[in-house]
Amino acid sequence: MAKVYTHICQHEKEILEMKKEGFNYKEIGERLGGYTRKQVKKFVERYNKKKRELAKGKPVRRRGRPSKHEGELPPSIQKLDKLSQMRYVMASKDRYIKRLEMELELMRDFLLLTERK
């Protein structure tokens, strides 16, 4: 009988609880239904990296095409407290301002090279 696929993120709380209790990655994977040691280890690494970046105030950006709902906060950020949400928003705005400053500098350099003002 084939295994029904479930994403490992659905077991986030269970994995973290088992990790605190002292289970190793292989045992956690076996108890949750056939995940490999490597899958569990990589999930914990991604989770820890995301938490570190949120603590620094960096926005967690997803790969690929931007969401259709660009102005809304991602569900992972909505779960956090208001202070963390505001840090996320401020970091996003700072990134946008930095990008605009870089574009402005490029435009000025271009106009100087073409001898226009």
PDB file of N, CA and C in Angstrom:
ATOM      1  N   MET A   1       0.833  -1.175   0.000  1.00  0.00           N
ATOM      2  CA  MET A   1       0.000   0.000   0.000  1.00  0.00           C
ATOM      3  C   MET A   1       0.881   1.243   0.000  1.00  0.00           C
ATOM      4  N   ALA A   2       0.572   2.196  -0.856  1.00  0.00           N
ATOM      5  CA  ALA A   2       1.381   3.392  -1.002  1.00  0.00           C
ATOM      6  C   ALA A   2       1.164   4.347   0.177  1.00  0.00           C
ATOM      7  N   LYS A   3       2.232   5.046   0.526  1.00  0.00           N
ATOM      8  CA  LYS A   3       2.162   6.004   1.620  1.00  0.00           C
ATOM      9  C   LYS A   3       1.488   7.281   1.134  1.00  0.00           C
ATOM     10  N   VAL A   4       0.617   7.837   1.943  1.00  0.00           N
ATOM     11  CA  VAL A   4      -0.020   9.102   1.606  1.00  0.00           C
ATOM     12  C   VAL A   4       0.955  10.215   1.949  1.00  0.00           C
ATOM     13  N   TYR A   5       1.197  11.110   0.983  1.00  0.00           N
ATOM     14  CA  TYR A   5       2.172  12.174   1.178  1.00  0.00           C
ATOM     15  C   TYR A   5       1.614  13.263   2.086  1.00  0.00           C
ATOM     16  N   THR A   6       2.372  13.635   3.087  1.00  0.00           N
ATOM     17  CA  THR A   6       2.071  14.803   3.909  1.00  0.00           C
ATOM     18  C   THR A   6       3.354  15.610   4.020  1.00  0.00           C
ATOM     19  N   HIS A   7       3.232  16.920   3.939  1.00  0.00           N
ATOM     20  CA  HIS A   7       4.406  17.779   4.002  1.00  0.00           C
ATOM     21  C   HIS A   7       4.958  17.777   5.418  1.00  0.00           C
ATOM     22  N   ILE A   8       6.262  17.782   5.534  1.00  0.00           N
ATOM     23  CA  ILE A   8       6.897  17.686   6.838  1.00  0.00           C
ATOM     24  C   ILE A   8       6.592  18.904   7.714  1.00  0.00           C
ATOM     25  N   CYS A   9       6.283  20.040   7.101  1.00  0.00           N
ATOM     26  CA  CYS A   9       5.952  21.248   7.876  1.00  0.00           C
ATOM     27  C   CYS A   9       4.673  21.068   8.690  1.00  0.00           C
ATOM     28  N   GLN A  10       3.827  20.144   8.291  1.00  0.00           N
ATOM     29  CA  GLN A  10       2.600  19.898   9.043  1.00  0.00           C
ATOM     30  C   GLN A  10       2.898  19.283  10.409  1.00  0.00           C
ATOM     31  N   HIS A  11       4.081  18.716  10.563  1.00  0.00           N
ATOM     32  CA  HIS A  11       4.472  18.076  11.811  1.00  0.00           C
ATOM     33  C   HIS A  11       5.454  18.935  12.606  1.00  0.00           C
ATOM     34  N   GLU A  12       5.441  20.246  12.350  1.00  0.00           N
ATOM     35  CA  GLU A  12       6.420  21.142  12.959  1.00  0.00           C
ATOM     36  C   GLU A  12       6.448  21.037  14.488  1.00  0.00           C
ATOM     37  N   LYS A  13       5.286  21.117  15.118  1.00  0.00           N
ATOM     38  CA  LYS A  13       5.234  21.090  16.591  1.00  0.00           C
ATOM     39  C   LYS A  13       5.726  19.755  17.142  1.00  0.00           C
ATOM     40  N   GLU A  14       5.304  18.662  16.500  1.00  0.00           N
ATOM     41  CA  GLU A  14       5.713  17.346  16.986  1.00  0.00           C
ATOM     42  C   GLU A  14       7.226  17.165  16.877  1.00  0.00           C
ATOM     43  N   ILE A  15       7.793  17.628  15.757  1.00  0.00           N
ATOM     44  CA  ILE A  15       9.238  17.482  15.560  1.00  0.00           C
ATOM     45  C   ILE A  15       9.991  18.260  16.630  1.00  0.00           C
ATOM     46  N   LEU A  16       9.568  19.501  16.874  1.00  0.00           N
ATOM     47  CA  LEU A  16      10.275  20.315  17.863  1.00  0.00           C
ATOM     48  C   LEU A  16      10.125  19.761  19.274  1.00  0.00           C
ATOM     49  N   GLU A  17       8.946  19.225  19.584  1.00  0.00           N
ATOM     50  CA  GLU A  17       8.757  18.623  20.909  1.00  0.00           C
ATOM     51  C   GLU A  17       9.641  17.386  21.078  1.00  0.00           C
ATOM     52  N   MET A  18       9.678  16.532  20.052  1.00  0.00           N
ATOM     53  CA  MET A  18      10.502  15.334  20.142  1.00  0.00           C
ATOM     54  C   MET A  18      11.986  15.695  20.227  1.00  0.00           C
ATOM     55  N   LYS A  19      12.372  16.755  19.518  1.00  0.00           N
ATOM     56  CA  LYS A  19      13.771  17.193  19.561  1.00  0.00           C
ATOM     57  C   LYS A  19      14.136  17.651  20.971  1.00  0.00           C
ATOM     58  N   LYS A  20      13.205  18.380  21.628  1.00  0.00           N
ATOM     59  CA  LYS A  20      13.450  18.818  23.007  1.00  0.00           C
ATOM     60  C   LYS A  20      13.523  17.633  23.964  1.00  0.00           C
ATOM     61  N   GLU A  21      12.754  16.585  23.684  1.00  0.00           N
ATOM     62  CA  GLU A  21      12.753  15.391  24.543  1.00  0.00           C
ATOM     63  C   GLU A  21      14.006  14.557  24.364  1.00  0.00           C
ATOM     64  N   GLY A  22      14.778  14.826  23.309  1.00  0.00           N
ATOM     65  CA  GLY A  22      16.047  14.135  23.138  1.00  0.00           C
ATOM     66  C   GLY A  22      16.064  13.060  22.082  1.00  0.00           C
ATOM     67  N   PHE A  23      15.017  12.946  21.277  1.00  0.00           N
ATOM     68  CA  PHE A  23      15.017  11.960  20.198  1.00  0.00           C
ATOM     69  C   PHE A  23      15.982  12.400  19.112  1.00  0.00           C
ATOM     70  N   ASN A  24      16.590  11.434  18.411  1.00  0.00           N
ATOM     71  CA  ASN A  24      17.439  11.804  17.286  1.00  0.00           C
ATOM     72  C   ASN A  24      16.585  11.890  16.016  1.00  0.00           C
ATOM     73  N   TYR A  25      17.188  12.385  14.943  1.00  0.00           N
ATOM     74  CA  TYR A  25      16.443  12.638  13.706  1.00  0.00           C
ATOM     75  C   TYR A  25      15.820  11.368  13.130  1.00  0.00           C
ATOM     76  N   LYS A  26      16.551  10.275  13.197  1.00  0.00           N
ATOM     77  CA  LYS A  26      16.039   9.017  12.643  1.00  0.00           C
ATOM     78  C   LYS A  26      14.800   8.551  13.406  1.00  0.00           C
ATOM     79  N   GLU A  27      14.849   8.613  14.725  1.00  0.00           N
ATOM     80  CA  GLU A  27      13.698   8.204  15.537  1.00  0.00           C
ATOM     81  C   GLU A  27      12.486   9.099  15.282  1.00  0.00           C
ATOM     82  N   ILE A  28      12.733  10.402  15.143  1.00  0.00           N
ATOM     83  CA  ILE A  28      11.626  11.330  14.864  1.00  0.00           C
ATOM     84  C   ILE A  28      10.971  10.992  13.538  1.00  0.00           C
ATOM     85  N   GLY A  29      11.800  10.755  12.521  1.00  0.00           N
ATOM     86  CA  GLY A  29      11.273  10.412  11.207  1.00  0.00           C
ATOM     87  C   GLY A  29      10.457   9.139  11.207  1.00  0.00           C
ATOM     88  N   GLU A  30      10.922   8.135  11.922  1.00  0.00           N
ATOM     89  CA  GLU A  30      10.195   6.864  11.993  1.00  0.00           C
ATOM     90  C   GLU A  30       8.868   7.017  12.724  1.00  0.00           C
ATOM     91  N   ARG A  31       8.850   7.782  13.796  1.00  0.00           N
ATOM     92  CA  ARG A  31       7.614   7.963  14.566  1.00  0.00           C
ATOM     93  C   ARG A  31       6.570   8.775  13.806  1.00  0.00           C
ATOM     94  N   LEU A  32       7.011   9.670  12.935  1.00  0.00           N
ATOM     95  CA  LEU A  32       6.066  10.512  12.198  1.00  0.00           C
ATOM     96  C   LEU A  32       5.602   9.888  10.893  1.00  0.00           C
ATOM     97  N   GLY A  33       6.080   8.756  10.575  1.00  0.00           N
ATOM     98  CA  GLY A  33       5.531   8.067   9.418  1.00  0.00           C
ATOM     99  C   GLY A  33       6.424   7.964   8.220  1.00  0.00           C
ATOM    100  N   GLY A  34       7.669   7.625   8.413  1.00  0.00           N
ATOM    101  CA  GLY A  34       8.509   7.282   7.282  1.00  0.00           C
ATOM    102  C   GLY A  34       9.339   8.398   6.693  1.00  0.00           C
ATOM    103  N   TYR A  35       9.603   9.443   7.432  1.00  0.00           N
ATOM    104  CA  TYR A  35      10.528  10.457   6.954  1.00  0.00           C
ATOM    105  C   TYR A  35      11.944   9.975   7.201  1.00  0.00           C
ATOM    106  N   THR A  36      12.853  10.375   6.331  1.00  0.00           N
ATOM    107  CA  THR A  36      14.244   9.971   6.509  1.00  0.00           C
ATOM    108  C   THR A  36      14.926  10.890   7.510  1.00  0.00           C
ATOM    109  N   ARG A  37      16.066  10.448   7.975  1.00  0.00           N
ATOM    110  CA  ARG A  37      16.867  11.238   8.909  1.00  0.00           C
ATOM    111  C   ARG A  37      17.245  12.570   8.278  1.00  0.00           C
ATOM    112  N   LYS A  38      17.606  12.535   7.010  1.00  0.00           N
ATOM    113  CA  LYS A  38      18.029  13.743   6.308  1.00  0.00           C
ATOM    114  C   LYS A  38      16.880  14.743   6.164  1.00  0.00           C
ATOM    115  N   GLN A  39      15.671  14.264   5.879  1.00  0.00           N
ATOM    116  CA  GLN A  39      14.522  15.153   5.746  1.00  0.00           C
ATOM    117  C   GLN A  39      14.249  15.899   7.051  1.00  0.00           C
ATOM    118  N   VAL A  40      14.301  15.169   8.156  1.00  0.00           N
ATOM    119  CA  VAL A  40      14.036  15.786   9.462  1.00  0.00           C
ATOM    120  C   VAL A  40      15.147  16.772   9.807  1.00  0.00           C
ATOM    121  N   LYS A  41      16.389  16.388   9.544  1.00  0.00           N
ATOM    122  CA  LYS A  41      17.527  17.262   9.851  1.00  0.00           C
ATOM    123  C   LYS A  41      17.428  18.564   9.049  1.00  0.00           C
ATOM    124  N   LYS A  42      17.140  18.466   7.775  1.00  0.00           N
ATOM    125  CA  LYS A  42      17.036  19.667   6.935  1.00  0.00           C
ATOM    126  C   LYS A  42      15.867  20.543   7.368  1.00  0.00           C
ATOM    127  N   PHE A  43      14.758  19.927   7.792  1.00  0.00           N
ATOM    128  CA  PHE A  43      13.631  20.708   8.276  1.00  0.00           C
ATOM    129  C   PHE A  43      14.025  21.513   9.509  1.00  0.00           C
ATOM    130  N   VAL A  44      14.723  20.890  10.444  1.00  0.00           N
ATOM    131  CA  VAL A  44      15.142  21.573  11.672  1.00  0.00           C
ATOM    132  C   VAL A  44      16.124  22.690  11.332  1.00  0.00           C
ATOM    133  N   GLU A  45      17.034  22.455  10.388  1.00  0.00           N
ATOM    134  CA  GLU A  45      17.978  23.491   9.970  1.00  0.00           C
ATOM    135  C   GLU A  45      17.246  24.690   9.363  1.00  0.00           C
ATOM    136  N   ARG A  46      16.270  24.418   8.475  1.00  0.00           N
ATOM    137  CA  ARG A  46      15.508  25.518   7.870  1.00  0.00           C
ATOM    138  C   ARG A  46      14.726  26.285   8.921  1.00  0.00           C
ATOM    139  N   TYR A  47      14.127  25.566   9.859  1.00  0.00           N
ATOM    140  CA  TYR A  47      13.343  26.193  10.927  1.00  0.00           C
ATOM    141  C   TYR A  47      14.231  27.101  11.776  1.00  0.00           C
ATOM    142  N   ASN A  48      15.398  26.609  12.167  1.00  0.00           N
ATOM    143  CA  ASN A  48      16.315  27.401  12.989  1.00  0.00           C
ATOM    144  C   ASN A  48      16.829  28.625  12.237  1.00  0.00           C
ATOM    145  N   LYS A  49      17.120  28.462  10.947  1.00  0.00           N
ATOM    146  CA  LYS A  49      17.604  29.590  10.145  1.00  0.00           C
ATOM    147  C   LYS A  49      16.525  30.663  10.041  1.00  0.00           C
ATOM    148  N   LYS A  50      15.289  30.253   9.826  1.00  0.00           N
ATOM    149  CA  LYS A  50      14.188  31.205   9.721  1.00  0.00           C
ATOM    150  C   LYS A  50      14.020  31.975  11.030  1.00  0.00           C
ATOM    151  N   LYS A  51      14.106  31.286  12.162  1.00  0.00           N
ATOM    152  CA  LYS A  51      13.969  31.935  13.463  1.00  0.00           C
ATOM    153  C   LYS A  51      15.106  32.920  13.716  1.00  0.00           C
ATOM    154  N   ARG A  52      16.341  32.548  13.331  1.00  0.00           N
ATOM    155  CA  ARG A  52      17.474  33.458  13.517  1.00  0.00           C
ATOM    156  C   ARG A  52      17.301  34.726  12.694  1.00  0.00           C
ATOM    157  N   GLU A  53      16.863  34.583  11.441  1.00  0.00           N
ATOM    158  CA  GLU A  53      16.692  35.749  10.588  1.00  0.00           C
ATOM    159  C   GLU A  53      15.550  36.639  11.067  1.00  0.00           C
ATOM    160  N   LEU A  54      14.484  36.045  11.575  1.00  0.00           N
ATOM    161  CA  LEU A  54      13.394  36.847  12.128  1.00  0.00           C
ATOM    162  C   LEU A  54      13.843  37.601  13.372  1.00  0.00           C
ATOM    163  N   ALA A  55      14.684  36.974  14.181  1.00  0.00           N
ATOM    164  CA  ALA A  55      15.181  37.638  15.389  1.00  0.00           C
ATOM    165  C   ALA A  55      16.067  38.831  15.039  1.00  0.00           C
ATOM    166  N   LYS A  56      16.792  38.729  13.917  1.00  0.00           N
ATOM    167  CA  LYS A  56      17.625  39.842  13.468  1.00  0.00           C
ATOM    168  C   LYS A  56      16.801  40.948  12.833  1.00  0.00           C
ATOM    169  N   GLY A  57      15.563  40.646  12.502  1.00  0.00           N
ATOM    170  CA  GLY A  57      14.716  41.632  11.855  1.00  0.00           C
ATOM    171  C   GLY A  57      14.733  41.541  10.341  1.00  0.00           C
ATOM    172  N   LYS A  58      15.370  40.515   9.802  1.00  0.00           N
ATOM    173  CA  LYS A  58      15.401  40.335   8.351  1.00  0.00           C
ATOM    174  C   LYS A  58      14.099  39.704   7.888  1.00  0.00           C
ATOM    175  N   PRO A  59      13.593  40.141   6.762  1.00  0.00           N
ATOM    176  CA  PRO A  59      12.403  39.471   6.244  1.00  0.00           C
ATOM    177  C   PRO A  59      12.777  38.122   5.640  1.00  0.00           C
ATOM    178  N   VAL A  60      11.908  37.166   5.803  1.00  0.00           N
ATOM    179  CA  VAL A  60      12.131  35.849   5.215  1.00  0.00           C
ATOM    180  C   VAL A  60      11.502  35.878   3.841  1.00  0.00           C
ATOM    181  N   ARG A  61      12.350  35.829   2.822  1.00  0.00           N
ATOM    182  CA  ARG A  61      11.833  35.905   1.466  1.00  0.00           C
ATOM    183  C   ARG A  61      11.744  34.513   0.866  1.00  0.00           C
ATOM    184  N   ARG A  62      10.655  34.278   0.190  1.00  0.00           N
ATOM    185  CA  ARG A  62      10.478  32.989  -0.466  1.00  0.00           C
ATOM    186  C   ARG A  62      11.105  33.030  -1.831  1.00  0.00           C
ATOM    187  N   ARG A  63      11.483  31.874  -2.322  1.00  0.00           N
ATOM    188  CA  ARG A  63      12.035  31.775  -3.669  1.00  0.00           C
ATOM    189  C   ARG A  63      10.911  31.806  -4.682  1.00  0.00           C
ATOM    190  N   GLY A  64      11.275  32.121  -5.916  1.00  0.00           N
ATOM    191  CA  GLY A  64      10.310  32.028  -6.997  1.00  0.00           C
ATOM    192  C   GLY A  64       9.508  33.290  -7.219  1.00  0.00           C
ATOM    193  N   ARG A  65       8.414  33.114  -7.913  1.00  0.00           N
ATOM    194  CA  ARG A  65       7.569  34.227  -8.310  1.00  0.00           C
ATOM    195  C   ARG A  65       6.878  34.849  -7.090  1.00  0.00           C
ATOM    196  N   PRO A  66       6.807  36.198  -7.043  1.00  0.00           N
ATOM    197  CA  PRO A  66       6.140  36.837  -5.908  1.00  0.00           C
ATOM    198  C   PRO A  66       4.660  36.482  -5.847  1.00  0.00           C
ATOM    199  N   SER A  67       4.123  36.558  -4.667  1.00  0.00           N
ATOM    200  CA  SER A  67       2.726  36.231  -4.449  1.00  0.00           C
ATOM    201  C   SER A  67       1.811  37.267  -5.088  1.00  0.00           C
ATOM    202  N   LYS A  68       0.594  36.856  -5.427  1.00  0.00           N
ATOM    203  CA  LYS A  68      -0.387  37.796  -5.957  1.00  0.00           C
ATOM    204  C   LYS A  68      -0.813  38.784  -4.881  1.00  0.00           C
ATOM    205  N   HIS A  69      -0.743  38.344  -3.635  1.00  0.00           N
ATOM    206  CA  HIS A  69      -1.151  39.168  -2.509  1.00  0.00           C
ATOM    207  C   HIS A  69       0.091  39.771  -1.871  1.00  0.00           C
ATOM    208  N   GLU A  70       0.760  40.666  -2.606  1.00  0.00           N
ATOM    209  CA  GLU A  70       2.049  41.198  -2.181  1.00  0.00           C
ATOM    210  C   GLU A  70       1.960  42.024  -0.906  1.00  0.00           C
ATOM    211  N   GLY A  71       0.881  42.786  -0.719  1.00  0.00           N
ATOM    212  CA  GLY A  71       0.780  43.658   0.436  1.00  0.00           C
ATOM    213  C   GLY A  71       0.488  42.930   1.732  1.00  0.00           C
ATOM    214  N   GLU A  72      -0.018  41.726   1.656  1.00  0.00           N
ATOM    215  CA  GLU A  72      -0.372  40.976   2.848  1.00  0.00           C
ATOM    216  C   GLU A  72       0.857  40.318   3.462  1.00  0.00           C
ATOM    217  N   LEU A  73       0.814  40.126   4.753  1.00  0.00           N
ATOM    218  CA  LEU A  73       1.903  39.424   5.419  1.00  0.00           C
ATOM    219  C   LEU A  73       1.760  37.923   5.190  1.00  0.00           C
ATOM    220  N   PRO A  74       2.879  37.226   5.024  1.00  0.00           N
ATOM    221  CA  PRO A  74       2.803  35.775   4.869  1.00  0.00           C
ATOM    222  C   PRO A  74       2.239  35.117   6.126  1.00  0.00           C
ATOM    223  N   PRO A  75       1.614  33.962   5.979  1.00  0.00           N
ATOM    224  CA  PRO A  75       1.023  33.283   7.143  1.00  0.00           C
ATOM    225  C   PRO A  75       2.027  32.999   8.258  1.00  0.00           C
ATOM    226  N   SER A  76       3.277  32.710   7.896  1.00  0.00           N
ATOM    227  CA  SER A  76       4.270  32.425   8.933  1.00  0.00           C
ATOM    228  C   SER A  76       4.570  33.662   9.772  1.00  0.00           C
ATOM    229  N   ILE A  77       4.451  34.844   9.175  1.00  0.00           N
ATOM    230  CA  ILE A  77       4.696  36.089   9.896  1.00  0.00           C
ATOM    231  C   ILE A  77       3.451  36.489  10.689  1.00  0.00           C
ATOM    232  N   GLN A  78       2.275  36.189  10.167  1.00  0.00           N
ATOM    233  CA  GLN A  78       1.043  36.542  10.856  1.00  0.00           C
ATOM    234  C   GLN A  78       0.914  35.819  12.196  1.00  0.00           C
ATOM    235  N   LYS A  79       1.557  34.667  12.332  1.00  0.00           N
ATOM    236  CA  LYS A  79       1.498  33.903  13.573  1.00  0.00           C
ATOM    237  C   LYS A  79       2.305  34.568  14.689  1.00  0.00           C
ATOM    238  N   LEU A  80       3.253  35.438  14.320  1.00  0.00           N
ATOM    239  CA  LEU A  80       4.152  36.037  15.306  1.00  0.00           C
ATOM    240  C   LEU A  80       3.495  37.223  15.998  1.00  0.00           C
ATOM    241  N   ASP A  81       4.159  37.718  17.028  1.00  0.00           N
ATOM    242  CA  ASP A  81       3.635  38.871  17.753  1.00  0.00           C
ATOM    243  C   ASP A  81       3.773  40.140  16.908  1.00  0.00           C
ATOM    244  N   LYS A  82       3.132  41.213  17.351  1.00  0.00           N
ATOM    245  CA  LYS A  82       3.085  42.457  16.576  1.00  0.00           C
ATOM    246  C   LYS A  82       4.465  43.061  16.362  1.00  0.00           C
ATOM    247  N   LEU A  83       5.334  42.973  17.362  1.00  0.00           N
ATOM    248  CA  LEU A  83       6.672  43.546  17.235  1.00  0.00           C
ATOM    249  C   LEU A  83       7.450  42.860  16.112  1.00  0.00           C
ATOM    250  N   SER A  84       7.372  41.546  16.052  1.00  0.00           N
ATOM    251  CA  SER A  84       8.065  40.814  14.985  1.00  0.00           C
ATOM    252  C   SER A  84       7.463  41.135  13.619  1.00  0.00           C
ATOM    253  N   GLN A  85       6.140  41.306  13.576  1.00  0.00           N
ATOM    254  CA  GLN A  85       5.500  41.678  12.317  1.00  0.00           C
ATOM    255  C   GLN A  85       5.969  43.052  11.858  1.00  0.00           C
ATOM    256  N   MET A  86       6.097  43.989  12.785  1.00  0.00           N
ATOM    257  CA  MET A  86       6.549  45.332  12.419  1.00  0.00           C
ATOM    258  C   MET A  86       8.013  45.325  11.984  1.00  0.00           C
ATOM    259  N   ARG A  87       8.833  44.486  12.627  1.00  0.00           N
ATOM    260  CA  ARG A  87      10.228  44.352  12.181  1.00  0.00           C
ATOM    261  C   ARG A  87      10.281  43.843  10.751  1.00  0.00           C
ATOM    262  N   TYR A  88       9.427  42.889  10.453  1.00  0.00           N
ATOM    263  CA  TYR A  88       9.365  42.331   9.104  1.00  0.00           C
ATOM    264  C   TYR A  88       8.992  43.407   8.096  1.00  0.00           C
ATOM    265  N   VAL A  89       7.963  44.195   8.423  1.00  0.00           N
ATOM    266  CA  VAL A  89       7.498  45.252   7.510  1.00  0.00           C
ATOM    267  C   VAL A  89       8.590  46.296   7.320  1.00  0.00           C
ATOM    268  N   MET A  90       9.244  46.703   8.404  1.00  0.00           N
ATOM    269  CA  MET A  90      10.301  47.724   8.312  1.00  0.00           C
ATOM    270  C   MET A  90      11.490  47.224   7.495  1.00  0.00           C
ATOM    271  N   ALA A  91      11.865  45.968   7.668  1.00  0.00           N
ATOM    272  CA  ALA A  91      12.973  45.410   6.899  1.00  0.00           C
ATOM    273  C   ALA A  91      12.617  45.354   5.415  1.00  0.00           C
ATOM    274  N   SER A  92      11.367  45.042   5.111  1.00  0.00           N
ATOM    275  CA  SER A  92      10.927  45.014   3.711  1.00  0.00           C
ATOM    276  C   SER A  92      10.993  46.408   3.101  1.00  0.00           C
ATOM    277  N   LYS A  93      10.550  47.407   3.860  1.00  0.00           N
ATOM    278  CA  LYS A  93      10.596  48.786   3.355  1.00  0.00           C
ATOM    279  C   LYS A  93      12.031  49.270   3.186  1.00  0.00           C
ATOM    280  N   ASP A  94      12.900  48.919   4.123  1.00  0.00           N
ATOM    281  CA  ASP A  94      14.310  49.302   4.006  1.00  0.00           C
ATOM    282  C   ASP A  94      14.939  48.696   2.755  1.00  0.00           C
ATOM    283  N   ARG A  95      14.600  47.436   2.476  1.00  0.00           N
ATOM    284  CA  ARG A  95      15.108  46.772   1.268  1.00  0.00           C
ATOM    285  C   ARG A  95      14.630  47.487   0.015  1.00  0.00           C
ATOM    286  N   TYR A  96      13.353  47.908   0.018  1.00  0.00           N
ATOM    287  CA  TYR A  96      12.785  48.604  -1.140  1.00  0.00           C
ATOM    288  C   TYR A  96      13.470  49.960  -1.333  1.00  0.00           C
ATOM    289  N   ILE A  97      13.706  50.692  -0.258  1.00  0.00           N
ATOM    290  CA  ILE A  97      14.373  51.991  -0.349  1.00  0.00           C
ATOM    291  C   ILE A  97      15.799  51.824  -0.858  1.00  0.00           C
ATOM    292  N   LYS A  98      16.498  50.823  -0.371  1.00  0.00           N
ATOM    293  CA  LYS A  98      17.868  50.565  -0.823  1.00  0.00           C
ATOM    294  C   LYS A  98      17.892  50.272  -2.321  1.00  0.00           C
ATOM    295  N   ARG A  99      16.910  49.497  -2.799  1.00  0.00           N
ATOM    296  CA  ARG A  99      16.841  49.188  -4.226  1.00  0.00           C
ATOM    297  C   ARG A  99      16.612  50.446  -5.046  1.00  0.00           C
ATOM    298  N   LEU A 100      15.715  51.324  -4.574  1.00  0.00           N
ATOM    299  CA  LEU A 100      15.459  52.576  -5.286  1.00  0.00           C
ATOM    300  C   LEU A 100      16.693  53.479  -5.307  1.00  0.00           C
ATOM    301  N   GLU A 101      17.428  53.523  -4.213  1.00  0.00           N
ATOM    302  CA  GLU A 101      18.660  54.320  -4.178  1.00  0.00           C
ATOM    303  C   GLU A 101      19.680  53.796  -5.175  1.00  0.00           C
ATOM    304  N   MET A 102      19.784  52.488  -5.289  1.00  0.00           N
ATOM    305  CA  MET A 102      20.710  51.898  -6.261  1.00  0.00           C
ATOM    306  C   MET A 102      20.293  52.246  -7.686  1.00  0.00           C
ATOM    307  N   GLU A 103      18.987  52.190  -7.974  1.00  0.00           N
ATOM    308  CA  GLU A 103      18.503  52.548  -9.309  1.00  0.00           C
ATOM    309  C   GLU A 103      18.787  54.010  -9.614  1.00  0.00           C
ATOM    310  N   LEU A 104      18.587  54.879  -8.630  1.00  0.00           N
ATOM    311  CA  LEU A 104      18.846  56.302  -8.812  1.00  0.00           C
ATOM    312  C   LEU A 104      20.318  56.547  -9.123  1.00  0.00           C
ATOM    313  N   GLU A 105      21.193  55.869  -8.400  1.00  0.00           N
ATOM    314  CA  GLU A 105      22.626  56.013  -8.648  1.00  0.00           C
ATOM    315  C   GLU A 105      22.989  55.549 -10.055  1.00  0.00           C
ATOM    316  N   LEU A 106      22.397  54.441 -10.495  1.00  0.00           N
ATOM    317  CA  LEU A 106      22.664  53.958 -11.854  1.00  0.00           C
ATOM    318  C   LEU A 106      22.183  54.945 -12.904  1.00  0.00           C
ATOM    319  N   MET A 107      21.011  55.529 -12.666  1.00  0.00           N
ATOM    320  CA  MET A 107      20.484  56.518 -13.624  1.00  0.00           C
ATOM    321  C   MET A 107      21.385  57.750 -13.685  1.00  0.00           C
ATOM    322  N   ARG A 108      21.858  58.221 -12.540  1.00  0.00           N
ATOM    323  CA  ARG A 108      22.759  59.381 -12.523  1.00  0.00           C
ATOM    324  C   ARG A 108      24.053  59.073 -13.253  1.00  0.00           C
ATOM    325  N   ASP A 109      24.620  57.896 -13.014  1.00  0.00           N
ATOM    326  CA  ASP A 109      25.843  57.499 -13.717  1.00  0.00           C
ATOM    327  C   ASP A 109      25.607  57.428 -15.219  1.00  0.00           C
ATOM    328  N   PHE A 110      24.488  56.892 -15.612  1.00  0.00           N
ATOM    329  CA  PHE A 110      24.161  56.794 -17.039  1.00  0.00           C
ATOM    330  C   PHE A 110      24.055  58.176 -17.662  1.00  0.00           C
ATOM    331  N   LEU A 111      23.369  59.085 -16.983  1.00  0.00           N
ATOM    332  CA  LEU A 111      23.199  60.438 -17.523  1.00  0.00           C
ATOM    333  C   LEU A 111      24.531  61.176 -17.594  1.00  0.00           C
ATOM    334  N   LEU A 112      25.415  60.959 -16.615  1.00  0.00           N
ATOM    335  CA  LEU A 112      26.732  61.577 -16.670  1.00  0.00           C
ATOM    336  C   LEU A 112      27.557  61.032 -17.826  1.00  0.00           C
ATOM    337  N   LEU A 113      27.453  59.728 -18.066  1.00  0.00           N
ATOM    338  CA  LEU A 113      28.214  59.126 -19.167  1.00  0.00           C
ATOM    339  C   LEU A 113      27.707  59.587 -20.527  1.00  0.00           C
ATOM    340  N   THR A 114      26.424  59.843 -20.640  1.00  0.00           N
ATOM    341  CA  THR A 114      25.856  60.305 -21.907  1.00  0.00           C
ATOM    342  C   THR A 114      25.890  61.833 -22.010  1.00  0.00           C
ATOM    343  N   GLU A 115      26.506  62.474 -21.007  1.00  0.00           N
ATOM    344  CA  GLU A 115      26.667  63.932 -20.946  1.00  0.00           C
ATOM    345  C   GLU A 115      25.341  64.657 -20.966  1.00  0.00           C
ATOM    346  N   ARG A 116      24.382  64.121 -20.255  1.00  0.00           N
ATOM    347  CA  ARG A 116      23.090  64.759 -20.082  1.00  0.00           C
ATOM    348  C   ARG A 116      22.895  65.063 -18.609  1.00  0.00           C
ATOM    349  N   LYS A 117      21.997  65.981 -18.328  1.00  0.00           N
ATOM    350  CA  LYS A 117      21.729  66.297 -16.928  1.00  0.00           C
ATOM    351  C   LYS A 117      20.310  66.097 -16.587  1.00  0.00           C
TER     352      LYS A 117
END
